[in-house]
């Protein structure tokens, strides 16, 4: 499930909480922009015993868009074979999706800041959502977060 909203610091955010384990979630937060070509934001993931954050993920307007990827997953609510994936141009945030019988989508969110640097780190969590409506809501919530506009 996703929950768009405002964090305690009055900044927009969107949280994706795992339907099967509510203690596992990812949050898009602290959005800002330097120019008309990009949006910068922080991305956090949490699971029991794990908290990770990257302070500056960049979404370029000319890039393959995360919301387009999520919209495509939502449109295929009857399922697909194999794994589908998306990543930022900088490769610091990636999402892979699998479909499970019973109409559920597993989204594995992976953080790997500075992927080319020696001694870097990585972390990932998987959130499970219902295919179709929950995926469509997720895409709309992320689009709203990234653009600041209600669609």
C-alpha atoms as a PDB file:
ATOM      1  CA  UNK A   1       0.000   0.000   0.000  1.00  0.00           C
ATOM      2  CA  UNK A   2       1.148   3.542  -0.594  1.00  0.00           C
ATOM      3  CA  UNK A   3       0.458   6.559   1.496  1.00  0.00           C
ATOM      4  CA  UNK A   4       1.118   9.958   0.030  1.00  0.00           C
ATOM      5  CA  UNK A   5       1.375  12.606   2.602  1.00  0.00           C
ATOM      6  CA  UNK A   6       3.342  15.131   4.482  1.00  0.00           C
ATOM      7  CA  UNK A   7       6.090  14.234   6.902  1.00  0.00           C
ATOM      8  CA  UNK A   8       6.475  15.864  10.299  1.00  0.00           C
ATOM      9  CA  UNK A   9       8.607  18.569   8.667  1.00  0.00           C
ATOM     10  CA  UNK A  10       5.737  19.637   6.324  1.00  0.00           C
ATOM     11  CA  UNK A  11       7.464  18.322   3.190  1.00  0.00           C
ATOM     12  CA  UNK A  12       5.686  16.066   0.667  1.00  0.00           C
ATOM     13  CA  UNK A  13       6.455  12.367   0.793  1.00  0.00           C
ATOM     14  CA  UNK A  14       5.190   9.013  -0.469  1.00  0.00           C
ATOM     15  CA  UNK A  15       5.600   5.764   1.431  1.00  0.00           C
ATOM     16  CA  UNK A  16       5.232   2.255   0.036  1.00  0.00           C
ATOM     17  CA  UNK A  17       4.428  -0.180   2.833  1.00  0.00           C
ATOM     18  CA  UNK A  18       4.613  -3.944   2.332  1.00  0.00           C
ATOM     19  CA  UNK A  19       1.169  -5.520   2.476  1.00  0.00           C
ATOM     20  CA  UNK A  20       2.563  -8.720   3.972  1.00  0.00           C
ATOM     21  CA  UNK A  21       4.890  -7.122   6.537  1.00  0.00           C
ATOM     22  CA  UNK A  22       4.010  -3.510   7.458  1.00  0.00           C
ATOM     23  CA  UNK A  23       7.401  -3.025   9.142  1.00  0.00           C
ATOM     24  CA  UNK A  24       8.991  -3.062   5.654  1.00  0.00           C
ATOM     25  CA  UNK A  25       8.631   0.163   3.702  1.00  0.00           C
ATOM     26  CA  UNK A  26      10.282   2.642   1.378  1.00  0.00           C
ATOM     27  CA  UNK A  27       9.801   6.409   1.411  1.00  0.00           C
ATOM     28  CA  UNK A  28      10.318   9.095  -1.209  1.00  0.00           C
ATOM     29  CA  UNK A  29      10.909  12.401   0.599  1.00  0.00           C
ATOM     30  CA  UNK A  30      12.712  15.760   0.707  1.00  0.00           C
ATOM     31  CA  UNK A  31      12.037  16.665  -2.938  1.00  0.00           C
ATOM     32  CA  UNK A  32      13.845  19.666  -4.419  1.00  0.00           C
ATOM     33  CA  UNK A  33      14.863  20.914  -7.839  1.00  0.00           C
ATOM     34  CA  UNK A  34      17.694  22.994  -9.230  1.00  0.00           C
ATOM     35  CA  UNK A  35      16.266  23.421 -12.718  1.00  0.00           C
ATOM     36  CA  UNK A  36      13.434  22.415 -15.056  1.00  0.00           C
ATOM     37  CA  UNK A  37      15.287  19.286 -16.235  1.00  0.00           C
ATOM     38  CA  UNK A  38      15.391  17.313 -13.008  1.00  0.00           C
ATOM     39  CA  UNK A  39      13.887  16.586  -9.629  1.00  0.00           C
ATOM     40  CA  UNK A  40      16.084  15.546  -6.712  1.00  0.00           C
ATOM     41  CA  UNK A  41      14.783  13.634  -3.715  1.00  0.00           C
ATOM     42  CA  UNK A  42      15.818  11.443  -0.817  1.00  0.00           C
ATOM     43  CA  UNK A  43      14.928   7.756  -0.753  1.00  0.00           C
ATOM     44  CA  UNK A  44      14.744   5.698   2.426  1.00  0.00           C
ATOM     45  CA  UNK A  45      14.156   2.016   2.989  1.00  0.00           C
ATOM     46  CA  UNK A  46      13.344   0.300   6.259  1.00  0.00           C
ATOM     47  CA  UNK A  47      12.963  -3.256   7.484  1.00  0.00           C
ATOM     48  CA  UNK A  48      13.505  -4.838  10.888  1.00  0.00           C
ATOM     49  CA  UNK A  49      17.165  -4.164  11.714  1.00  0.00           C
ATOM     50  CA  UNK A  50      17.767  -2.068   8.565  1.00  0.00           C
ATOM     51  CA  UNK A  51      17.490   1.607   7.748  1.00  0.00           C
ATOM     52  CA  UNK A  52      19.182   3.058   4.664  1.00  0.00           C
ATOM     53  CA  UNK A  53      18.925   6.428   2.959  1.00  0.00           C
ATOM     54  CA  UNK A  54      20.323   8.186  -0.087  1.00  0.00           C
ATOM     55  CA  UNK A  55      19.940  11.954   0.150  1.00  0.00           C
ATOM     56  CA  UNK A  56      20.063  12.835  -3.525  1.00  0.00           C
ATOM     57  CA  UNK A  57      18.435  10.590  -6.094  1.00  0.00           C
ATOM     58  CA  UNK A  58      17.927  12.404  -9.412  1.00  0.00           C
ATOM     59  CA  UNK A  59      14.952  12.012 -11.747  1.00  0.00           C
ATOM     60  CA  UNK A  60      15.685  13.545 -15.163  1.00  0.00           C
ATOM     61  CA  UNK A  61      12.738  14.599 -17.317  1.00  0.00           C
ATOM     62  CA  UNK A  62      14.320  12.958 -20.373  1.00  0.00           C
ATOM     63  CA  UNK A  63      14.930   9.667 -18.545  1.00  0.00           C
ATOM     64  CA  UNK A  64      12.790   6.574 -18.545  1.00  0.00           C
ATOM     65  CA  UNK A  65      10.359   7.517 -15.819  1.00  0.00           C
ATOM     66  CA  UNK A  66       9.655   5.442 -12.703  1.00  0.00           C
ATOM     67  CA  UNK A  67       5.950   6.283 -12.908  1.00  0.00           C
ATOM     68  CA  UNK A  68       5.786   4.949 -16.480  1.00  0.00           C
ATOM     69  CA  UNK A  69       7.355   1.690 -15.260  1.00  0.00           C
ATOM     70  CA  UNK A  70       4.817   1.461 -12.414  1.00  0.00           C
ATOM     71  CA  UNK A  71       1.909   2.330 -14.753  1.00  0.00           C
ATOM     72  CA  UNK A  72       2.961  -0.505 -17.072  1.00  0.00           C
ATOM     73  CA  UNK A  73       3.036  -2.957 -14.152  1.00  0.00           C
ATOM     74  CA  UNK A  74      -0.409  -1.811 -13.013  1.00  0.00           C
ATOM     75  CA  UNK A  75      -1.825  -2.244 -16.533  1.00  0.00           C
ATOM     76  CA  UNK A  76      -0.687  -5.873 -16.539  1.00  0.00           C
ATOM     77  CA  UNK A  77      -2.663  -6.779 -13.407  1.00  0.00           C
ATOM     78  CA  UNK A  78      -3.244 -10.298 -14.770  1.00  0.00           C
ATOM     79  CA  UNK A  79       0.456 -10.966 -14.525  1.00  0.00           C
ATOM     80  CA  UNK A  80       3.623 -11.548 -16.516  1.00  0.00           C
ATOM     81  CA  UNK A  81       6.493 -14.006 -16.608  1.00  0.00           C
ATOM     82  CA  UNK A  82       9.940 -13.269 -15.288  1.00  0.00           C
ATOM     83  CA  UNK A  83      11.319 -10.119 -13.745  1.00  0.00           C
ATOM     84  CA  UNK A  84      10.966  -6.534 -14.926  1.00  0.00           C
ATOM     85  CA  UNK A  85      13.307  -3.798 -13.818  1.00  0.00           C
ATOM     86  CA  UNK A  86      13.934  -0.058 -13.818  1.00  0.00           C
ATOM     87  CA  UNK A  87      16.801   2.088 -12.542  1.00  0.00           C
ATOM     88  CA  UNK A  88      17.782   5.718 -12.346  1.00  0.00           C
ATOM     89  CA  UNK A  89      20.263   7.047 -14.865  1.00  0.00           C
ATOM     90  CA  UNK A  90      22.871   7.213 -12.080  1.00  0.00           C
ATOM     91  CA  UNK A  91      22.009   3.603 -11.061  1.00  0.00           C
ATOM     92  CA  UNK A  92      21.750   4.501  -7.385  1.00  0.00           C
ATOM     93  CA  UNK A  93      18.080   3.428  -7.146  1.00  0.00           C
ATOM     94  CA  UNK A  94      16.695   0.347  -8.886  1.00  0.00           C
ATOM     95  CA  UNK A  95      13.371  -1.479  -8.736  1.00  0.00           C
ATOM     96  CA  UNK A  96      12.668  -5.002  -9.910  1.00  0.00           C
ATOM     97  CA  UNK A  97       9.179  -6.471 -10.114  1.00  0.00           C
ATOM     98  CA  UNK A  98       7.874 -10.036 -10.114  1.00  0.00           C
ATOM     99  CA  UNK A  99       4.307 -11.288 -10.329  1.00  0.00           C
ATOM    100  CA  UNK A 100       3.115 -13.983  -7.952  1.00  0.00           C
ATOM    101  CA  UNK A 101       0.010 -16.107  -8.344  1.00  0.00           C
ATOM    102  CA  UNK A 102      -2.892 -14.673  -6.407  1.00  0.00           C
ATOM    103  CA  UNK A 103      -2.453 -11.269  -7.985  1.00  0.00           C
ATOM    104  CA  UNK A 104       0.478  -9.847  -6.026  1.00  0.00           C
ATOM    105  CA  UNK A 105       3.490  -7.887  -7.218  1.00  0.00           C
ATOM    106  CA  UNK A 106       6.802  -7.998  -5.393  1.00  0.00           C
ATOM    107  CA  UNK A 107       8.812  -4.803  -5.806  1.00  0.00           C
ATOM    108  CA  UNK A 108      12.433  -5.094  -4.728  1.00  0.00           C
ATOM    109  CA  UNK A 109      13.807  -1.595  -4.085  1.00  0.00           C
ATOM    110  CA  UNK A 110      17.617  -1.453  -4.163  1.00  0.00           C
ATOM    111  CA  UNK A 111      19.853   1.410  -3.106  1.00  0.00           C
ATOM    112  CA  UNK A 112      23.469   1.547  -4.170  1.00  0.00           C
ATOM    113  CA  UNK A 113      24.877   5.056  -3.925  1.00  0.00           C
ATOM    114  CA  UNK A 114      28.071   5.750  -5.813  1.00  0.00           C
ATOM    115  CA  UNK A 115      27.942   2.386  -7.624  1.00  0.00           C
ATOM    116  CA  UNK A 116      31.355   2.924  -9.228  1.00  0.00           C
ATOM    117  CA  UNK A 117      33.142   3.840  -5.976  1.00  0.00           C
ATOM    118  CA  UNK A 118      35.312   1.362  -4.117  1.00  0.00           C
ATOM    119  CA  UNK A 119      33.954   0.497  -0.706  1.00  0.00           C
ATOM    120  CA  UNK A 120      30.386   1.418  -1.644  1.00  0.00           C
ATOM    121  CA  UNK A 121      27.375  -0.128  -0.017  1.00  0.00           C
ATOM    122  CA  UNK A 122      23.989  -1.419  -1.080  1.00  0.00           C
ATOM    123  CA  UNK A 123      20.697  -2.340   0.573  1.00  0.00           C
ATOM    124  CA  UNK A 124      17.356  -3.636  -0.621  1.00  0.00           C
ATOM    125  CA  UNK A 125      13.891  -4.533   0.632  1.00  0.00           C
ATOM    126  CA  UNK A 126      10.885  -6.116  -1.056  1.00  0.00           C
ATOM    127  CA  UNK A 127       7.382  -4.735  -0.741  1.00  0.00           C
ATOM    128  CA  UNK A 128       4.358  -6.791  -1.825  1.00  0.00           C
ATOM    129  CA  UNK A 129       1.277  -5.067  -3.238  1.00  0.00           C
ATOM    130  CA  UNK A 130      -1.888  -6.212  -4.951  1.00  0.00           C
ATOM    131  CA  UNK A 131      -1.661  -6.027  -8.736  1.00  0.00           C
ATOM    132  CA  UNK A 132      -3.953  -3.542 -10.440  1.00  0.00           C
ATOM    133  CA  UNK A 133      -5.476  -0.945  -8.145  1.00  0.00           C
ATOM    134  CA  UNK A 134      -2.695  -0.786  -5.535  1.00  0.00           C
ATOM    135  CA  UNK A 135      -0.097  -0.601  -8.301  1.00  0.00           C
ATOM    136  CA  UNK A 136      -2.069   2.149 -10.084  1.00  0.00           C
ATOM    137  CA  UNK A 137      -2.348   4.057  -6.809  1.00  0.00           C
ATOM    138  CA  UNK A 138       1.401   3.647  -6.263  1.00  0.00           C
ATOM    139  CA  UNK A 139       2.152   5.069  -9.728  1.00  0.00           C
ATOM    140  CA  UNK A 140      -0.172   8.039  -9.114  1.00  0.00           C
ATOM    141  CA  UNK A 141       1.322   8.708  -5.668  1.00  0.00           C
ATOM    142  CA  UNK A 142       4.901   8.643  -6.991  1.00  0.00           C
ATOM    143  CA  UNK A 143       3.925  10.846  -9.954  1.00  0.00           C
ATOM    144  CA  UNK A 144       2.326  13.320  -7.532  1.00  0.00           C
ATOM    145  CA  UNK A 145       5.442  13.282  -5.345  1.00  0.00           C
ATOM    146  CA  UNK A 146       7.859  13.793  -8.258  1.00  0.00           C
ATOM    147  CA  UNK A 147       5.842  16.498 -10.011  1.00  0.00           C
ATOM    148  CA  UNK A 148       4.136  18.117  -7.046  1.00  0.00           C
ATOM    149  CA  UNK A 149       0.895  17.958  -9.065  1.00  0.00           C
ATOM    150  CA  UNK A 150      -2.246  15.957  -8.395  1.00  0.00           C
ATOM    151  CA  UNK A 151      -3.214  13.889 -11.461  1.00  0.00           C
END
